[in-house]
N, C-alpha and C. Protein backbone atom coordinates (compact mmCIF):
# COMPACT_ATOMS: atom_id res chain seq x y z
N MET A 1 165.92 22.90 -109.36
CA MET A 1 165.38 24.27 -109.71
C MET A 1 165.87 25.40 -108.80
N ILE A 2 166.51 26.44 -109.04
CA ILE A 2 166.87 27.59 -108.18
C ILE A 2 166.03 28.56 -108.39
N SER A 3 165.15 28.81 -107.14
CA SER A 3 163.85 29.61 -107.09
C SER A 3 164.28 31.16 -106.71
N SER A 4 165.39 31.07 -105.93
CA SER A 4 165.96 32.42 -105.26
C SER A 4 167.17 32.55 -104.92
N ILE A 5 167.70 33.95 -105.26
CA ILE A 5 169.38 33.71 -104.55
C ILE A 5 169.60 34.92 -103.61
N ARG A 6 169.90 35.02 -102.54
CA ARG A 6 170.42 36.06 -101.70
C ARG A 6 171.83 35.84 -101.04
N GLY A 7 172.49 37.37 -101.47
CA GLY A 7 173.79 37.20 -101.44
C GLY A 7 174.27 38.92 -101.53
N ARG A 8 175.56 39.36 -101.10
CA ARG A 8 176.00 40.48 -101.53
C ARG A 8 176.36 40.89 -103.40
N LEU A 9 175.70 41.79 -103.49
CA LEU A 9 175.79 42.01 -104.90
C LEU A 9 177.09 43.08 -105.21
N LYS A 10 177.91 42.24 -105.62
CA LYS A 10 179.77 42.31 -106.22
C LYS A 10 179.75 43.52 -107.18
N SER A 11 179.24 43.38 -108.12
CA SER A 11 179.05 43.97 -109.41
C SER A 11 177.86 44.11 -110.41
N LEU A 12 177.65 44.94 -111.18
CA LEU A 12 176.57 45.06 -111.60
C LEU A 12 176.86 45.49 -113.43
N GLU A 13 176.42 44.66 -114.35
CA GLU A 13 176.87 45.04 -115.72
C GLU A 13 175.72 45.27 -116.67
N ALA A 14 175.70 45.46 -117.93
CA ALA A 14 174.78 45.82 -118.81
C ALA A 14 173.40 45.01 -118.66
N THR A 15 173.98 43.62 -118.69
CA THR A 15 173.13 42.59 -118.71
C THR A 15 173.15 41.58 -117.51
N ALA A 16 173.76 41.84 -116.44
CA ALA A 16 174.12 40.74 -115.57
C ALA A 16 174.25 41.61 -113.88
N ALA A 17 173.80 40.84 -112.87
CA ALA A 17 174.33 41.12 -111.76
C ALA A 17 175.12 40.00 -111.18
N TYR A 18 176.09 40.17 -110.21
CA TYR A 18 177.04 39.28 -109.91
C TYR A 18 177.12 39.25 -108.47
N ILE A 19 176.44 37.86 -107.87
CA ILE A 19 176.19 38.11 -106.47
C ILE A 19 176.92 36.80 -105.96
N GLN A 20 177.53 37.28 -104.46
CA GLN A 20 178.33 36.21 -103.92
C GLN A 20 177.27 35.96 -103.05
N ALA A 21 177.32 34.54 -102.78
CA ALA A 21 176.54 33.70 -102.13
C ALA A 21 177.29 32.49 -101.48
N GLY A 22 177.79 32.97 -100.18
CA GLY A 22 178.98 31.98 -99.52
C GLY A 22 180.03 32.10 -100.35
N PRO A 23 180.91 31.11 -100.65
CA PRO A 23 182.07 31.12 -101.41
C PRO A 23 182.04 31.42 -102.98
N PHE A 24 180.67 30.98 -103.55
CA PHE A 24 180.31 31.46 -104.82
C PHE A 24 179.92 32.74 -105.41
N VAL A 25 180.72 32.99 -106.36
CA VAL A 25 179.75 34.31 -107.23
C VAL A 25 179.28 33.81 -108.39
N LEU A 26 177.82 34.43 -108.35
CA LEU A 26 176.99 33.58 -109.53
C LEU A 26 176.42 34.61 -110.37
N GLU A 27 176.59 34.47 -111.63
CA GLU A 27 176.43 35.18 -112.60
C GLU A 27 174.88 35.19 -112.87
N VAL A 28 173.78 36.24 -112.80
CA VAL A 28 172.49 36.48 -112.86
C VAL A 28 172.04 37.45 -113.80
N TYR A 29 171.76 36.70 -115.11
CA TYR A 29 171.27 37.73 -116.10
C TYR A 29 169.73 38.60 -115.50
N VAL A 30 169.56 40.27 -116.01
CA VAL A 30 168.73 40.90 -115.33
C VAL A 30 168.20 41.64 -116.69
N PRO A 31 166.91 41.80 -116.77
CA PRO A 31 166.39 42.53 -117.53
C PRO A 31 166.65 44.10 -117.04
N ASP A 32 166.71 44.62 -118.00
CA ASP A 32 167.03 46.32 -117.63
C ASP A 32 166.23 47.12 -116.80
N PHE A 33 164.87 46.74 -116.52
CA PHE A 33 164.43 47.40 -115.53
C PHE A 33 164.57 46.75 -114.18
N VAL A 34 165.19 45.55 -114.22
CA VAL A 34 165.83 45.13 -113.11
C VAL A 34 167.32 45.80 -112.41
N ARG A 35 168.08 45.85 -113.48
CA ARG A 35 169.10 46.43 -113.44
C ARG A 35 169.30 47.71 -112.85
N ARG A 36 168.20 48.73 -113.50
CA ARG A 36 168.13 49.77 -112.60
C ARG A 36 167.54 50.02 -111.12
N GLN A 37 166.69 48.88 -110.70
CA GLN A 37 166.55 48.80 -109.40
C GLN A 37 167.65 48.58 -108.69
N LEU A 38 168.61 47.78 -109.19
CA LEU A 38 170.13 47.42 -108.19
C LEU A 38 170.97 48.39 -108.29
N GLN A 39 170.96 49.43 -109.02
CA GLN A 39 172.07 50.25 -108.84
C GLN A 39 172.48 51.12 -107.93
N GLY A 40 171.38 50.95 -106.75
CA GLY A 40 171.88 51.70 -105.46
C GLY A 40 172.53 50.52 -104.45
N ASP A 41 172.60 49.16 -105.02
CA ASP A 41 172.94 48.13 -103.91
C ASP A 41 174.04 47.45 -104.06
N ILE A 42 174.92 48.05 -104.69
CA ILE A 42 176.16 47.58 -104.94
C ILE A 42 176.89 47.41 -103.45
N ASP A 43 177.30 46.11 -103.15
CA ASP A 43 178.27 45.73 -101.96
C ASP A 43 177.05 45.55 -100.96
N GLN A 44 175.89 45.26 -100.96
CA GLN A 44 174.72 45.03 -100.19
C GLN A 44 174.02 43.94 -100.49
N GLU A 45 173.22 43.84 -99.39
CA GLU A 45 172.96 42.12 -99.55
C GLU A 45 171.39 42.28 -100.29
N VAL A 46 171.12 41.53 -101.44
CA VAL A 46 170.14 41.53 -102.23
C VAL A 46 169.58 40.16 -102.45
N GLU A 47 168.12 40.13 -102.75
CA GLU A 47 167.79 38.70 -102.99
C GLU A 47 166.82 38.98 -104.15
N LEU A 48 167.29 38.19 -105.16
CA LEU A 48 166.61 38.25 -106.34
C LEU A 48 165.44 36.74 -106.56
N LEU A 49 164.49 36.73 -107.19
CA LEU A 49 163.82 35.58 -107.30
C LEU A 49 164.37 35.40 -108.90
N THR A 50 164.44 33.96 -108.91
CA THR A 50 165.07 33.75 -110.49
C THR A 50 164.26 32.61 -110.98
N MET A 51 164.41 32.39 -111.98
CA MET A 51 164.16 31.42 -113.22
C MET A 51 165.27 30.91 -114.18
N ASP A 52 165.28 29.56 -114.52
CA ASP A 52 166.85 29.30 -115.25
C ASP A 52 165.99 28.64 -116.59
N TYR A 53 167.33 28.67 -117.27
CA TYR A 53 167.25 28.01 -118.79
C TYR A 53 168.28 27.60 -119.17
N LEU A 54 168.36 27.11 -120.11
CA LEU A 54 169.55 26.34 -120.75
C LEU A 54 170.03 26.96 -121.96
N GLU A 55 171.28 27.56 -122.14
CA GLU A 55 171.42 28.34 -123.62
C GLU A 55 172.40 27.54 -124.42
N GLY A 56 172.33 27.50 -125.58
CA GLY A 56 172.89 26.88 -126.57
C GLY A 56 172.52 26.17 -127.24
N ASN A 57 172.88 25.52 -128.23
CA ASN A 57 172.32 24.61 -129.46
C ASN A 57 173.14 23.34 -129.87
N PRO A 58 173.07 22.57 -129.11
CA PRO A 58 173.95 21.07 -129.32
C PRO A 58 173.63 20.63 -130.77
N GLN A 59 172.52 20.83 -131.46
CA GLN A 59 172.64 20.34 -132.76
C GLN A 59 173.42 20.98 -133.78
N LYS A 60 174.07 22.22 -133.36
CA LYS A 60 175.02 23.04 -134.10
C LYS A 60 176.44 22.83 -133.78
N GLY A 61 176.54 21.51 -132.65
CA GLY A 61 177.82 21.35 -131.96
C GLY A 61 178.24 22.16 -131.10
N GLY A 62 177.58 22.89 -130.34
CA GLY A 62 177.50 23.96 -129.03
C GLY A 62 176.97 22.88 -128.13
N ARG A 63 177.43 23.29 -126.80
CA ARG A 63 176.89 22.78 -125.71
C ARG A 63 175.87 23.61 -125.08
N LEU A 64 174.81 22.84 -123.90
CA LEU A 64 173.90 23.63 -123.47
C LEU A 64 174.88 24.30 -121.74
N THR A 65 174.36 25.33 -121.76
CA THR A 65 174.98 26.18 -120.54
C THR A 65 173.87 26.61 -119.65
N PRO A 66 173.75 26.01 -118.26
CA PRO A 66 172.57 26.64 -117.22
C PRO A 66 172.89 28.23 -117.21
N ARG A 67 171.77 28.91 -117.20
CA ARG A 67 171.63 30.47 -116.75
C ARG A 67 170.79 30.74 -115.76
N LEU A 68 170.75 31.82 -115.10
CA LEU A 68 169.97 32.21 -114.20
C LEU A 68 169.31 33.84 -114.64
N ILE A 69 168.03 34.07 -114.69
CA ILE A 69 167.52 35.37 -114.57
C ILE A 69 166.75 35.73 -113.49
N GLY A 70 167.05 37.15 -113.08
CA GLY A 70 166.83 37.41 -111.70
C GLY A 70 165.68 38.74 -111.67
N PHE A 71 164.95 38.46 -110.78
CA PHE A 71 163.82 39.76 -110.70
C PHE A 71 163.62 40.16 -109.26
N LYS A 72 163.10 41.38 -109.16
CA LYS A 72 162.94 41.71 -107.60
C LYS A 72 161.62 41.41 -107.45
N THR A 73 160.62 40.79 -107.85
CA THR A 73 159.42 40.56 -107.40
C THR A 73 158.89 39.33 -107.98
N GLU A 74 157.58 38.54 -107.50
CA GLU A 74 157.09 37.61 -107.93
C GLU A 74 156.42 38.15 -109.04
N GLY A 75 155.77 39.39 -109.24
CA GLY A 75 155.05 39.84 -110.41
C GLY A 75 155.86 39.92 -111.77
N GLU A 76 157.33 40.60 -111.46
CA GLU A 76 157.91 40.55 -112.47
C GLU A 76 158.26 39.23 -113.12
N ARG A 77 158.76 38.32 -112.52
CA ARG A 77 158.96 37.15 -112.79
C ARG A 77 157.73 36.59 -113.50
N ALA A 78 156.75 36.41 -113.15
CA ALA A 78 155.30 36.03 -113.87
C ALA A 78 155.10 36.68 -115.32
N PHE A 79 155.31 38.10 -115.09
CA PHE A 79 155.27 38.92 -116.18
C PHE A 79 156.14 38.46 -117.57
N PHE A 80 157.56 38.41 -117.26
CA PHE A 80 158.59 37.63 -118.12
C PHE A 80 158.38 36.04 -118.61
N GLU A 81 157.72 35.44 -117.69
CA GLU A 81 157.50 34.09 -118.43
C GLU A 81 156.37 34.08 -119.30
N LEU A 82 155.37 34.95 -119.15
CA LEU A 82 154.33 35.34 -119.66
C LEU A 82 154.75 35.78 -121.40
N ILE A 83 155.66 36.86 -121.20
CA ILE A 83 156.32 37.56 -122.31
C ILE A 83 157.17 36.55 -123.35
N CYS A 84 157.92 35.61 -122.46
CA CYS A 84 158.64 34.59 -123.32
C CYS A 84 157.76 33.53 -123.98
N SER A 85 156.33 33.40 -123.49
CA SER A 85 155.49 32.50 -124.11
C SER A 85 155.16 32.95 -125.51
N VAL A 86 155.45 34.07 -126.01
CA VAL A 86 154.71 34.41 -127.30
C VAL A 86 155.87 34.01 -128.51
N ASP A 87 155.22 33.46 -129.51
CA ASP A 87 155.88 32.97 -130.39
C ASP A 87 156.93 34.21 -131.05
N GLY A 88 158.20 33.99 -131.26
CA GLY A 88 158.80 35.08 -131.90
C GLY A 88 159.72 35.65 -130.77
N LEU A 89 159.28 35.22 -129.45
CA LEU A 89 159.93 35.93 -128.15
C LEU A 89 160.72 34.91 -127.35
N GLY A 90 162.21 34.72 -127.91
CA GLY A 90 162.57 33.67 -126.60
C GLY A 90 163.12 34.34 -125.17
N ILE A 91 163.64 33.94 -124.62
CA ILE A 91 164.21 34.48 -123.28
C ILE A 91 165.35 35.52 -123.82
N LYS A 92 166.50 35.11 -124.69
CA LYS A 92 167.44 36.24 -124.83
C LYS A 92 166.63 37.52 -125.57
N LYS A 93 165.69 37.52 -126.29
CA LYS A 93 164.97 38.50 -127.07
C LYS A 93 164.28 39.46 -125.79
N ALA A 94 163.42 38.35 -125.08
CA ALA A 94 162.75 39.27 -124.12
C ALA A 94 163.81 40.08 -122.99
N LEU A 95 164.98 39.23 -122.49
CA LEU A 95 165.66 39.74 -121.81
C LEU A 95 166.27 41.33 -122.69
N GLN A 96 166.44 41.38 -123.81
CA GLN A 96 166.98 42.53 -124.63
C GLN A 96 166.09 43.54 -124.36
N ALA A 97 164.38 42.77 -124.79
CA ALA A 97 163.36 43.95 -125.10
C ALA A 97 162.54 44.83 -123.87
N ILE A 98 162.81 43.75 -122.63
CA ILE A 98 161.90 44.36 -121.62
C ILE A 98 162.72 45.64 -120.89
N VAL A 99 162.98 46.96 -121.40
CA VAL A 99 163.82 47.71 -120.87
C VAL A 99 162.81 48.97 -120.13
N ARG A 100 161.31 48.88 -120.15
CA ARG A 100 160.60 49.72 -119.41
C ARG A 100 160.14 48.98 -118.20
N PRO A 101 159.51 49.57 -117.11
CA PRO A 101 158.97 48.80 -115.90
C PRO A 101 157.92 48.21 -116.58
N VAL A 102 157.69 46.98 -115.78
CA VAL A 102 156.54 45.84 -116.44
C VAL A 102 155.31 46.75 -116.35
N ARG A 103 154.88 47.49 -115.31
CA ARG A 103 153.40 48.19 -115.31
C ARG A 103 153.42 49.03 -116.62
N GLU A 104 154.38 49.67 -117.47
CA GLU A 104 154.25 50.26 -118.41
C GLU A 104 154.01 49.21 -119.97
N VAL A 105 154.68 48.39 -119.83
CA VAL A 105 154.69 47.51 -120.62
C VAL A 105 153.34 46.84 -120.77
N ALA A 106 152.97 46.23 -119.33
CA ALA A 106 151.63 45.76 -119.31
C ALA A 106 150.56 46.56 -119.90
N TYR A 107 150.70 47.62 -119.62
CA TYR A 107 149.68 48.79 -119.90
C TYR A 107 149.39 48.72 -121.47
N ALA A 108 150.36 48.63 -122.15
CA ALA A 108 150.85 49.21 -123.27
C ALA A 108 150.13 47.91 -124.28
N ILE A 109 149.95 46.72 -123.36
CA ILE A 109 149.50 45.50 -123.91
C ILE A 109 148.02 45.42 -123.86
N GLU A 110 147.64 45.65 -122.90
CA GLU A 110 146.35 46.02 -122.23
C GLU A 110 145.64 46.80 -123.32
N GLN A 111 146.29 47.76 -123.69
CA GLN A 111 145.86 48.76 -124.49
C GLN A 111 145.76 48.89 -125.97
N GLN A 112 146.44 47.78 -126.28
CA GLN A 112 147.04 47.07 -127.53
C GLN A 112 147.32 48.33 -128.29
N ASP A 113 148.42 48.75 -127.53
CA ASP A 113 149.28 49.83 -128.36
C ASP A 113 150.46 49.10 -128.83
N THR A 114 150.33 48.92 -130.16
CA THR A 114 151.40 48.15 -130.79
C THR A 114 152.47 49.06 -131.43
N LYS A 115 152.08 50.54 -131.35
CA LYS A 115 152.84 51.33 -131.66
C LYS A 115 154.32 51.21 -130.76
N ALA A 116 153.67 51.61 -129.26
CA ALA A 116 154.73 51.60 -128.33
C ALA A 116 155.67 50.36 -128.10
N LEU A 117 154.81 49.06 -128.45
CA LEU A 117 155.51 47.95 -128.14
C LEU A 117 156.38 47.72 -129.04
N SER A 118 156.11 48.22 -130.32
CA SER A 118 157.07 47.66 -131.48
C SER A 118 158.58 48.82 -131.14
N MET A 119 158.68 49.89 -130.34
CA MET A 119 159.69 50.70 -129.92
C MET A 119 160.59 50.24 -128.87
N LEU A 120 160.25 49.09 -128.64
CA LEU A 120 161.11 48.29 -127.60
C LEU A 120 162.21 47.42 -128.36
N PRO A 121 163.47 47.40 -127.69
CA PRO A 121 164.62 47.05 -128.60
C PRO A 121 163.96 45.51 -129.12
N GLY A 122 164.23 45.25 -130.63
CA GLY A 122 164.13 43.96 -130.99
C GLY A 122 162.58 43.56 -131.37
N ILE A 123 161.73 44.63 -131.14
CA ILE A 123 160.20 44.20 -130.95
C ILE A 123 159.79 44.96 -132.50
N GLY A 124 159.71 44.17 -133.51
CA GLY A 124 159.02 44.80 -134.50
C GLY A 124 157.37 44.81 -134.43
N PRO A 125 157.13 45.35 -135.66
CA PRO A 125 155.22 45.35 -135.61
C PRO A 125 154.70 44.18 -135.79
N ALA A 126 155.17 43.02 -136.41
CA ALA A 126 154.50 41.77 -136.35
C ALA A 126 154.73 41.19 -134.94
N VAL A 127 156.12 40.99 -134.21
CA VAL A 127 155.92 40.52 -132.76
C VAL A 127 154.93 41.33 -131.87
N ALA A 128 155.00 42.56 -132.19
CA ALA A 128 154.10 43.82 -131.17
C ALA A 128 152.70 43.01 -131.45
N GLU A 129 152.23 42.93 -132.85
CA GLU A 129 150.55 42.50 -132.78
C GLU A 129 150.49 40.70 -132.31
N ARG A 130 151.51 40.00 -132.28
CA ARG A 130 151.59 38.66 -131.77
C ARG A 130 151.40 39.19 -130.10
N ILE A 131 152.41 39.64 -129.39
CA ILE A 131 151.93 40.01 -128.11
C ILE A 131 150.47 40.49 -127.34
N VAL A 132 150.39 41.31 -128.13
CA VAL A 132 148.99 41.90 -127.88
C VAL A 132 147.63 41.07 -127.95
N ALA A 133 147.92 40.06 -129.26
CA ALA A 133 146.86 39.03 -129.23
C ALA A 133 146.49 38.03 -128.34
N LYS A 134 147.89 37.59 -127.74
CA LYS A 134 148.11 36.53 -127.09
C LYS A 134 147.96 36.99 -125.37
N LEU A 135 148.38 37.94 -125.05
CA LEU A 135 148.63 38.48 -123.58
C LEU A 135 147.34 39.70 -123.11
N ARG A 136 147.03 40.34 -124.13
CA ARG A 136 145.88 41.39 -123.62
C ARG A 136 145.36 41.25 -122.69
N ARG A 137 144.48 40.13 -122.68
CA ARG A 137 143.34 39.84 -121.58
C ARG A 137 144.03 39.33 -120.26
N LYS A 138 145.42 39.16 -120.43
CA LYS A 138 146.26 38.99 -118.83
C LYS A 138 146.99 39.83 -118.30
N MET A 139 146.77 40.71 -118.50
CA MET A 139 147.56 42.24 -118.27
C MET A 139 147.09 42.76 -117.03
N THR A 140 145.82 42.65 -116.79
CA THR A 140 145.27 43.64 -115.41
C THR A 140 146.24 43.53 -114.57
N ARG A 141 146.61 42.38 -113.80
CA ARG A 141 147.19 42.38 -112.34
C ARG A 141 148.84 42.92 -112.63
N PHE A 142 149.15 43.17 -113.94
CA PHE A 142 150.55 43.53 -113.95
C PHE A 142 150.28 45.15 -114.11
N ALA A 143 149.38 45.72 -115.07
CA ALA A 143 149.28 46.87 -115.62
C ALA A 143 148.93 48.08 -114.10
N LEU A 144 148.68 47.03 -113.23
CA LEU A 144 148.27 47.98 -112.02
C LEU A 144 149.27 47.59 -110.76
N MET A 145 150.36 47.02 -111.18
CA MET A 145 151.75 46.65 -110.19
C MET A 145 151.84 47.88 -109.47
N VAL A 146 151.81 47.68 -108.35
CA VAL A 146 152.29 49.11 -107.50
C VAL A 146 153.13 48.44 -106.23
N ASP A 147 154.08 48.64 -105.89
CA ASP A 147 154.98 48.04 -104.71
C ASP A 147 154.78 48.39 -103.17
N ARG A 148 153.74 49.37 -103.11
CA ARG A 148 153.64 49.82 -101.87
C ARG A 148 152.23 49.79 -101.40
N GLY A 149 152.06 49.61 -99.96
CA GLY A 149 150.82 49.75 -99.40
C GLY A 149 149.75 48.47 -99.19
N LEU A 150 150.43 47.09 -99.81
CA LEU A 150 149.89 46.01 -99.80
C LEU A 150 150.63 44.72 -98.84
N GLU A 151 150.42 44.09 -98.32
CA GLU A 151 151.14 42.91 -97.66
C GLU A 151 151.28 41.89 -98.66
N GLY A 152 152.36 41.53 -98.85
CA GLY A 152 152.67 40.08 -99.85
C GLY A 152 152.32 40.28 -100.97
N GLU A 153 153.45 39.78 -101.93
CA GLU A 153 153.76 40.25 -103.13
C GLU A 153 152.53 39.45 -104.12
N GLY A 154 151.90 38.19 -103.90
CA GLY A 154 151.19 37.47 -104.86
C GLY A 154 149.94 37.88 -104.30
N HIS A 155 149.40 38.23 -102.89
CA HIS A 155 148.41 38.84 -102.28
C HIS A 155 148.06 39.99 -102.73
N ALA A 156 148.88 41.01 -102.97
CA ALA A 156 149.01 42.05 -103.38
C ALA A 156 148.16 42.52 -104.68
N SER A 157 148.82 41.34 -105.40
CA SER A 157 148.66 41.60 -107.05
C SER A 157 146.75 41.03 -107.35
N ASP A 158 146.52 39.98 -106.27
CA ASP A 158 145.14 39.45 -106.60
C ASP A 158 144.16 40.73 -106.12
N LEU A 159 144.86 41.56 -104.94
CA LEU A 159 143.95 42.37 -104.26
C LEU A 159 143.58 43.59 -105.43
N ILE A 160 144.83 43.90 -105.78
CA ILE A 160 144.52 45.03 -107.02
C ILE A 160 143.73 44.71 -108.02
N SER A 161 143.82 43.48 -108.52
CA SER A 161 143.14 43.23 -109.75
C SER A 161 141.60 43.07 -109.26
N GLU A 162 141.31 42.45 -108.05
CA GLU A 162 139.81 42.19 -107.68
C GLU A 162 139.22 43.42 -107.18
N THR A 163 140.19 44.72 -106.65
CA THR A 163 139.64 45.95 -106.67
C THR A 163 139.25 46.53 -107.86
N TYR A 164 140.12 46.55 -108.90
CA TYR A 164 139.90 47.04 -110.26
C TYR A 164 138.73 46.56 -110.90
N GLU A 165 138.42 45.25 -110.76
CA GLU A 165 137.24 44.63 -111.14
C GLU A 165 135.94 44.97 -110.33
N ALA A 166 136.04 45.30 -109.31
CA ALA A 166 135.12 45.71 -108.44
C ALA A 166 134.63 47.37 -109.15
N LEU A 167 135.62 47.89 -109.02
CA LEU A 167 135.40 49.52 -109.55
C LEU A 167 134.72 49.23 -110.77
N LEU A 168 135.02 48.57 -111.59
CA LEU A 168 134.67 48.41 -113.15
C LEU A 168 133.14 47.88 -113.01
N ALA A 169 132.74 47.02 -112.13
CA ALA A 169 131.70 46.58 -112.16
C ALA A 169 130.40 47.55 -111.46
N LEU A 170 131.11 48.87 -110.63
CA LEU A 170 130.22 49.73 -110.11
C LEU A 170 130.19 50.93 -111.01
N GLY A 171 130.71 50.75 -112.46
CA GLY A 171 130.42 51.64 -113.25
C GLY A 171 131.44 52.67 -113.51
N HIS A 172 132.69 52.37 -113.06
CA HIS A 172 133.88 53.15 -113.52
C HIS A 172 134.68 52.96 -114.65
N THR A 173 135.14 54.01 -115.24
CA THR A 173 135.71 53.43 -116.29
C THR A 173 137.09 52.77 -115.68
N ALA A 174 138.05 51.90 -116.80
CA ALA A 174 139.25 51.61 -116.68
C ALA A 174 140.25 52.58 -116.07
N ASP A 175 140.41 53.90 -116.89
CA ASP A 175 141.13 54.72 -116.57
C ASP A 175 140.72 55.43 -114.85
N ASP A 176 139.54 55.53 -114.75
CA ASP A 176 139.25 56.20 -113.54
C ASP A 176 139.54 55.23 -112.38
N ALA A 177 139.36 53.98 -112.55
CA ALA A 177 139.55 52.97 -111.73
C ALA A 177 141.04 52.78 -111.44
N ARG A 178 141.87 52.94 -112.28
CA ARG A 178 143.47 52.83 -112.14
C ARG A 178 143.78 54.16 -111.02
N GLU A 179 143.41 55.06 -111.78
CA GLU A 179 143.58 56.46 -110.76
C GLU A 179 143.21 56.42 -109.57
N LYS A 180 141.94 55.90 -109.18
CA LYS A 180 141.56 55.62 -108.13
C LYS A 180 142.36 54.93 -107.03
N ILE A 181 143.02 53.80 -107.64
CA ILE A 181 143.74 52.65 -106.75
C ILE A 181 144.99 53.40 -106.62
N ASP A 182 145.58 53.83 -107.61
CA ASP A 182 146.91 54.71 -107.21
C ASP A 182 146.82 55.91 -106.11
N GLN A 183 145.80 56.56 -106.26
CA GLN A 183 145.63 57.64 -105.38
C GLN A 183 145.77 56.97 -103.62
N VAL A 184 144.82 56.09 -103.52
CA VAL A 184 144.82 55.50 -102.29
C VAL A 184 145.94 54.71 -101.74
N LEU A 185 146.69 53.87 -102.86
CA LEU A 185 148.01 53.12 -102.41
C LEU A 185 149.08 54.21 -102.18
N ALA A 186 148.94 55.29 -102.60
CA ALA A 186 150.09 56.52 -102.44
C ALA A 186 150.10 56.59 -100.94
N SER A 187 148.93 56.36 -100.37
CA SER A 187 148.87 57.01 -99.01
C SER A 187 149.76 56.24 -98.22
N GLY A 188 150.48 54.80 -98.59
CA GLY A 188 151.01 54.14 -97.87
C GLY A 188 150.43 53.36 -96.94
N THR A 189 148.77 53.15 -96.68
CA THR A 189 148.55 52.26 -95.75
C THR A 189 148.53 50.86 -96.04
N LYS A 190 148.57 49.86 -95.38
CA LYS A 190 148.54 48.76 -95.41
C LYS A 190 147.16 48.32 -95.57
N PHE A 191 147.00 47.54 -96.58
CA PHE A 191 145.55 47.12 -96.95
C PHE A 191 145.56 45.51 -97.15
N LYS A 192 144.77 44.80 -96.48
CA LYS A 192 144.32 43.32 -96.36
C LYS A 192 143.04 42.87 -97.41
N THR A 193 142.35 43.50 -97.64
CA THR A 193 140.99 43.22 -98.34
C THR A 193 140.59 44.19 -99.21
N VAL A 194 139.90 43.60 -100.58
CA VAL A 194 139.06 44.46 -101.06
C VAL A 194 138.40 45.69 -100.90
N GLU A 195 137.68 45.13 -99.61
CA GLU A 195 136.63 46.04 -99.06
C GLU A 195 137.53 47.22 -98.41
N ALA A 196 138.64 47.11 -97.75
CA ALA A 196 139.32 48.00 -97.15
C ALA A 196 139.94 49.02 -98.11
N ILE A 197 140.24 48.55 -99.61
CA ILE A 197 140.66 49.51 -100.24
C ILE A 197 139.47 50.37 -100.98
N LEU A 198 138.38 49.67 -101.10
CA LEU A 198 137.02 50.30 -101.47
C LEU A 198 136.62 51.36 -100.47
N ASN A 199 136.96 51.01 -99.37
CA ASN A 199 136.05 52.00 -98.40
C ASN A 199 137.11 53.44 -98.26
N ALA A 200 138.52 52.90 -98.44
CA ALA A 200 139.73 54.28 -98.49
C ALA A 200 139.21 55.05 -99.77
N ILE A 201 139.11 54.58 -100.86
CA ILE A 201 138.56 55.14 -102.12
C ILE A 201 137.62 56.07 -101.71
N TYR A 202 136.48 55.68 -101.37
CA TYR A 202 135.47 56.54 -101.23
C TYR A 202 135.39 57.50 -99.81
N GLN A 203 136.19 57.09 -98.94
CA GLN A 203 136.27 58.26 -98.11
C GLN A 203 137.30 59.20 -98.65
N GLN A 204 138.25 58.68 -99.54
CA GLN A 204 138.93 59.98 -99.88
C GLN A 204 138.14 60.91 -101.09
N GLU A 205 136.99 60.22 -101.60
CA GLU A 205 136.26 60.90 -102.48
C GLU A 205 135.14 62.11 -101.86
N TYR A 206 134.94 61.35 -100.50
CA TYR A 206 133.86 62.21 -99.46
C TYR A 206 134.54 63.18 -99.01
N SER A 207 135.87 63.29 -98.67
CA SER A 207 136.43 64.14 -97.96
C SER A 207 137.20 65.26 -98.71
N THR A 208 137.20 64.98 -100.29
CA THR A 208 137.77 66.08 -101.23
C THR A 208 136.69 67.08 -101.42
């Protein structure tokens, strides 16, 4: 299994990035939210975390073709894998559907906003209901995804989730907790512990 690819981004199409890695040019499918992040990186070295799957239906006389899907972060990849686990949402449909940033889609799922979800390409009301039913309790780390101010992608997601839960336990509402986390991460400070984030949040409050 190929878990990541690094190379020069030769070109970018609507659904795929073409990356030159050594003598090979690899076609990597990308969701639209990843494609937008890559638009300014043509001819630059990029690294994508990947997942692979087999496309095709040999039972109908076709052949299985190995495909790669690329993501900028581990959080994006983990979110996509969860989405693909919902009945009625295969990999191809998920690639077409997730056109908004992960954070926005995850927040809609967490808030049980089936109307917003059903507006995604190929996602009707019935599939939106299934997404919410299966995933709404698993979205906190993704709804709080911020790519700045924390060290290490996986560690960052854990810190954000734990800080969010700590703020809820301290009596803050969900929206208030999100706002406080966003404000303190916007400072660009590097945080390594939940305590450090909480201290920064309350110091910011006392200074205003």
